PDB file of N, CA and C in Angstrom:
ATOM      1  N   THR A   1     -53.379 -80.900  52.681  1.00  0.00           N
ATOM      2  CA  THR A   1     -53.727 -80.817  51.270  1.00  0.00           C
ATOM      3  C   THR A   1     -53.311 -79.448  50.728  1.00  0.00           C
ATOM      4  N   PRO A   2     -53.140 -79.370  49.456  1.00  0.00           N
ATOM      5  CA  PRO A   2     -52.761 -78.079  48.860  1.00  0.00           C
ATOM      6  C   PRO A   2     -53.799 -76.980  49.122  1.00  0.00           C
ATOM      7  N   LEU A   3     -55.068 -77.362  49.121  1.00  0.00           N
ATOM      8  CA  LEU A   3     -56.107 -76.362  49.361  1.00  0.00           C
ATOM      9  C   LEU A   3     -56.021 -75.805  50.785  1.00  0.00           C
ATOM     10  N   ASN A   4     -55.792 -76.670  51.754  1.00  0.00           N
ATOM     11  CA  ASN A   4     -55.650 -76.203  53.142  1.00  0.00           C
ATOM     12  C   ASN A   4     -54.440 -75.294  53.290  1.00  0.00           C
ATOM     13  N   SER A   5     -53.366 -75.642  52.628  1.00  0.00           N
ATOM     14  CA  SER A   5     -52.164 -74.815  52.670  1.00  0.00           C
ATOM     15  C   SER A   5     -52.439 -73.435  52.067  1.00  0.00           C
ATOM     16  N   LEU A   6     -53.111 -73.422  50.950  1.00  0.00           N
ATOM     17  CA  LEU A   6     -53.459 -72.159  50.301  1.00  0.00           C
ATOM     18  C   LEU A   6     -54.353 -71.313  51.206  1.00  0.00           C
ATOM     19  N   LEU A   7     -55.368 -71.937  51.792  1.00  0.00           N
ATOM     20  CA  LEU A   7     -56.269 -71.212  52.683  1.00  0.00           C
ATOM     21  C   LEU A   7     -55.529 -70.659  53.899  1.00  0.00           C
ATOM     22  N   SER A   8     -54.596 -71.416  54.403  1.00  0.00           N
ATOM     23  CA  SER A   8     -53.796 -70.959  55.535  1.00  0.00           C
ATOM     24  C   SER A   8     -52.995 -69.716  55.166  1.00  0.00           C
ATOM     25  N   HIS A   9     -52.375 -69.740  53.996  1.00  0.00           N
ATOM     26  CA  HIS A   9     -51.599 -68.585  53.536  1.00  0.00           C
ATOM     27  C   HIS A   9     -52.493 -67.370  53.299  1.00  0.00           C
ATOM     28  N   VAL A  10     -53.633 -67.590  52.706  1.00  0.00           N
ATOM     29  CA  VAL A  10     -54.555 -66.485  52.427  1.00  0.00           C
ATOM     30  C   VAL A  10     -55.046 -65.864  53.734  1.00  0.00           C
ATOM     31  N   ASN A  11     -55.403 -66.703  54.694  1.00  0.00           N
ATOM     32  CA  ASN A  11     -55.863 -66.185  55.988  1.00  0.00           C
ATOM     33  C   ASN A  11     -54.768 -65.398  56.696  1.00  0.00           C
ATOM     34  N   PHE A  12     -53.536 -65.883  56.599  1.00  0.00           N
ATOM     35  CA  PHE A  12     -52.416 -65.156  57.192  1.00  0.00           C
ATOM     36  C   PHE A  12     -52.262 -63.790  56.534  1.00  0.00           C
ATOM     37  N   TRP A  13     -52.338 -63.758  55.220  1.00  0.00           N
ATOM     38  CA  TRP A  13     -52.212 -62.491  54.488  1.00  0.00           C
ATOM     39  C   TRP A  13     -53.316 -61.522  54.904  1.00  0.00           C
ATOM     40  N   ILE A  14     -54.529 -62.019  55.007  1.00  0.00           N
ATOM     41  CA  ILE A  14     -55.654 -61.158  55.390  1.00  0.00           C
ATOM     42  C   ILE A  14     -55.418 -60.552  56.771  1.00  0.00           C
ATOM     43  N   GLU A  15     -55.026 -61.384  57.729  1.00  0.00           N
ATOM     44  CA  GLU A  15     -54.771 -60.893  59.087  1.00  0.00           C
ATOM     45  C   GLU A  15     -53.633 -59.876  59.106  1.00  0.00           C
ATOM     46  N   THR A  16     -52.582 -60.152  58.356  1.00  0.00           N
ATOM     47  CA  THR A  16     -51.429 -59.260  58.340  1.00  0.00           C
ATOM     48  C   THR A  16     -51.764 -57.930  57.673  1.00  0.00           C
ATOM     49  N   ILE A  17     -52.471 -57.981  56.578  1.00  0.00           N
ATOM     50  CA  ILE A  17     -52.871 -56.750  55.883  1.00  0.00           C
ATOM     51  C   ILE A  17     -53.783 -55.918  56.774  1.00  0.00           C
ATOM     52  N   GLN A  18     -54.696 -56.577  57.483  1.00  0.00           N
ATOM     53  CA  GLN A  18     -55.571 -55.838  58.394  1.00  0.00           C
ATOM     54  C   GLN A  18     -54.761 -55.164  59.493  1.00  0.00           C
ATOM     55  N   ALA A  19     -53.760 -55.848  60.006  1.00  0.00           N
ATOM     56  CA  ALA A  19     -52.917 -55.260  61.055  1.00  0.00           C
ATOM     57  C   ALA A  19     -52.158 -54.045  60.528  1.00  0.00           C
ATOM     58  N   VAL A  20     -51.641 -54.137  59.313  1.00  0.00           N
ATOM     59  CA  VAL A  20     -50.880 -53.027  58.736  1.00  0.00           C
ATOM     60  C   VAL A  20     -51.783 -51.839  58.440  1.00  0.00           C
ATOM     61  N   THR A  21     -52.973 -52.092  57.937  1.00  0.00           N
ATOM     62  CA  THR A  21     -53.864 -50.979  57.609  1.00  0.00           C
ATOM     63  C   THR A  21     -54.381 -50.274  58.854  1.00  0.00           C
ATOM     64  N   LYS A  22     -54.277 -50.919  60.008  1.00  0.00           N
ATOM     65  CA  LYS A  22     -54.693 -50.285  61.260  1.00  0.00           C
ATOM     66  C   LYS A  22     -53.575 -49.463  61.892  1.00  0.00           C
ATOM     67  N   LEU A  23     -52.368 -49.546  61.342  1.00  0.00           N
ATOM     68  CA  LEU A  23     -51.266 -48.750  61.873  1.00  0.00           C
ATOM     69  C   LEU A  23     -51.573 -47.274  61.656  1.00  0.00           C
ATOM     70  N   THR A  24     -51.349 -46.494  62.677  1.00  0.00           N
ATOM     71  CA  THR A  24     -51.578 -45.054  62.544  1.00  0.00           C
ATOM     72  C   THR A  24     -50.243 -44.330  62.553  1.00  0.00           C
ATOM     73  N   ARG A  25     -50.215 -43.244  61.868  1.00  0.00           N
ATOM     74  CA  ARG A  25     -48.982 -42.461  61.761  1.00  0.00           C
ATOM     75  C   ARG A  25     -49.341 -40.987  61.814  1.00  0.00           C
ATOM     76  N   TYR A  26     -48.952 -40.352  62.899  1.00  0.00           N
ATOM     77  CA  TYR A  26     -49.180 -38.923  63.076  1.00  0.00           C
ATOM     78  C   TYR A  26     -47.820 -38.240  63.086  1.00  0.00           C
ATOM     79  N   VAL A  27     -47.401 -37.803  61.934  1.00  0.00           N
ATOM     80  CA  VAL A  27     -46.061 -37.246  61.786  1.00  0.00           C
ATOM     81  C   VAL A  27     -45.848 -36.031  62.679  1.00  0.00           C
ATOM     82  N   SER A  28     -46.799 -35.146  62.723  1.00  0.00           N
ATOM     83  CA  SER A  28     -46.604 -33.901  63.470  1.00  0.00           C
ATOM     84  C   SER A  28     -46.511 -34.108  64.975  1.00  0.00           C
ATOM     85  N   SER A  29     -47.141 -35.150  65.489  1.00  0.00           N
ATOM     86  CA  SER A  29     -47.139 -35.339  66.940  1.00  0.00           C
ATOM     87  C   SER A  29     -46.415 -36.605  67.394  1.00  0.00           C
ATOM     88  N   SER A  30     -45.794 -37.313  66.482  1.00  0.00           N
ATOM     89  CA  SER A  30     -45.132 -38.555  66.877  1.00  0.00           C
ATOM     90  C   SER A  30     -43.701 -38.298  67.340  1.00  0.00           C
ATOM     91  N   THR A  31     -43.264 -39.156  68.232  1.00  0.00           N
ATOM     92  CA  THR A  31     -41.881 -39.083  68.702  1.00  0.00           C
ATOM     93  C   THR A  31     -41.002 -39.844  67.715  1.00  0.00           C
ATOM     94  N   PRO A  32     -39.717 -39.617  67.748  1.00  0.00           N
ATOM     95  CA  PRO A  32     -38.833 -40.388  66.865  1.00  0.00           C
ATOM     96  C   PRO A  32     -38.981 -41.897  67.076  1.00  0.00           C
ATOM     97  N   SER A  33     -39.176 -42.309  68.307  1.00  0.00           N
ATOM     98  CA  SER A  33     -39.349 -43.729  68.607  1.00  0.00           C
ATOM     99  C   SER A  33     -40.615 -44.287  67.950  1.00  0.00           C
ATOM    100  N   GLN A  34     -41.704 -43.540  68.004  1.00  0.00           N
ATOM    101  CA  GLN A  34     -42.948 -43.974  67.366  1.00  0.00           C
ATOM    102  C   GLN A  34     -42.787 -44.050  65.848  1.00  0.00           C
ATOM    103  N   GLU A  35     -42.096 -43.093  65.298  1.00  0.00           N
ATOM    104  CA  GLU A  35     -41.859 -43.078  63.849  1.00  0.00           C
ATOM    105  C   GLU A  35     -41.031 -44.291  63.432  1.00  0.00           C
ATOM    106  N   ILE A  36     -40.005 -44.593  64.193  1.00  0.00           N
ATOM    107  CA  ILE A  36     -39.158 -45.755  63.898  1.00  0.00           C
ATOM    108  C   ILE A  36     -39.976 -47.033  63.990  1.00  0.00           C
ATOM    109  N   ASN A  37     -40.785 -47.160  65.039  1.00  0.00           N
ATOM    110  CA  ASN A  37     -41.610 -48.362  65.196  1.00  0.00           C
ATOM    111  C   ASN A  37     -42.608 -48.521  64.059  1.00  0.00           C
ATOM    112  N   PHE A  38     -43.183 -47.411  63.610  1.00  0.00           N
ATOM    113  CA  PHE A  38     -44.116 -47.473  62.486  1.00  0.00           C
ATOM    114  C   PHE A  38     -43.432 -48.047  61.251  1.00  0.00           C
ATOM    115  N   TRP A  39     -42.274 -47.490  60.914  1.00  0.00           N
ATOM    116  CA  TRP A  39     -41.586 -47.935  59.704  1.00  0.00           C
ATOM    117  C   TRP A  39     -41.031 -49.347  59.842  1.00  0.00           C
ATOM    118  N   LEU A  40     -40.601 -49.719  61.035  1.00  0.00           N
ATOM    119  CA  LEU A  40     -40.135 -51.095  61.243  1.00  0.00           C
ATOM    120  C   LEU A  40     -41.276 -52.087  61.059  1.00  0.00           C
ATOM    121  N   SER A  41     -42.448 -51.751  61.559  1.00  0.00           N
ATOM    122  CA  SER A  41     -43.613 -52.621  61.390  1.00  0.00           C
ATOM    123  C   SER A  41     -43.976 -52.764  59.920  1.00  0.00           C
ATOM    124  N   LEU A  42     -43.968 -51.660  59.219  1.00  0.00           N
ATOM    125  CA  LEU A  42     -44.305 -51.685  57.802  1.00  0.00           C
ATOM    126  C   LEU A  42     -43.270 -52.471  57.006  1.00  0.00           C
ATOM    127  N   THR A  43     -42.006 -52.241  57.277  1.00  0.00           N
ATOM    128  CA  THR A  43     -40.929 -52.950  56.593  1.00  0.00           C
ATOM    129  C   THR A  43     -40.976 -54.439  56.894  1.00  0.00           C
ATOM    130  N   SER A  44     -41.252 -54.764  58.139  1.00  0.00           N
ATOM    131  CA  SER A  44     -41.347 -56.166  58.544  1.00  0.00           C
ATOM    132  C   SER A  44     -42.451 -56.868  57.765  1.00  0.00           C
ATOM    133  N   PHE A  45     -43.593 -56.221  57.627  1.00  0.00           N
ATOM    134  CA  PHE A  45     -44.696 -56.807  56.872  1.00  0.00           C
ATOM    135  C   PHE A  45     -44.308 -57.033  55.418  1.00  0.00           C
ATOM    136  N   VAL A  46     -43.738 -56.033  54.798  1.00  0.00           N
ATOM    137  CA  VAL A  46     -43.390 -56.134  53.379  1.00  0.00           C
ATOM    138  C   VAL A  46     -42.351 -57.224  53.143  1.00  0.00           C
ATOM    139  N   SER A  47     -41.324 -57.265  53.969  1.00  0.00           N
ATOM    140  CA  SER A  47     -40.274 -58.266  53.762  1.00  0.00           C
ATOM    141  C   SER A  47     -40.768 -59.669  54.077  1.00  0.00           C
ATOM    142  N   TYR A  48     -41.602 -59.824  55.101  1.00  0.00           N
ATOM    143  CA  TYR A  48     -42.092 -61.155  55.464  1.00  0.00           C
ATOM    144  C   TYR A  48     -43.114 -61.660  54.458  1.00  0.00           C
ATOM    145  N   SER A  49     -43.960 -60.762  53.980  1.00  0.00           N
ATOM    146  CA  SER A  49     -45.019 -61.189  53.075  1.00  0.00           C
ATOM    147  C   SER A  49     -44.499 -61.556  51.690  1.00  0.00           C
ATOM    148  N   THR A  50     -43.295 -61.162  51.354  1.00  0.00           N
ATOM    149  CA  THR A  50     -42.748 -61.504  50.042  1.00  0.00           C
ATOM    150  C   THR A  50     -41.869 -62.748  50.080  1.00  0.00           C
ATOM    151  N   VAL A  51     -41.686 -63.347  51.267  1.00  0.00           N
ATOM    152  CA  VAL A  51     -40.838 -64.536  51.394  1.00  0.00           C
ATOM    153  C   VAL A  51     -41.468 -65.730  50.716  1.00  0.00           C
ATOM    154  N   ASP A  52     -42.768 -65.921  50.911  1.00  0.00           N
ATOM    155  CA  ASP A  52     -43.436 -67.072  50.303  1.00  0.00           C
ATOM    156  C   ASP A  52     -43.568 -66.822  48.867  1.00  0.00           C
TER     157      ASP A  52
END
């Protein structure tokens, strides 16, 4: 049903937003690899969440 589909999308968004807000970024002590992974995760979220 449309309502179930909507609820599924909303729940996915909630889980994804929670995952992104838990990302930590310590610029002064992070390695280049950690910095790259942080930005890739953030970019992945933004690009995936705008597809629907």
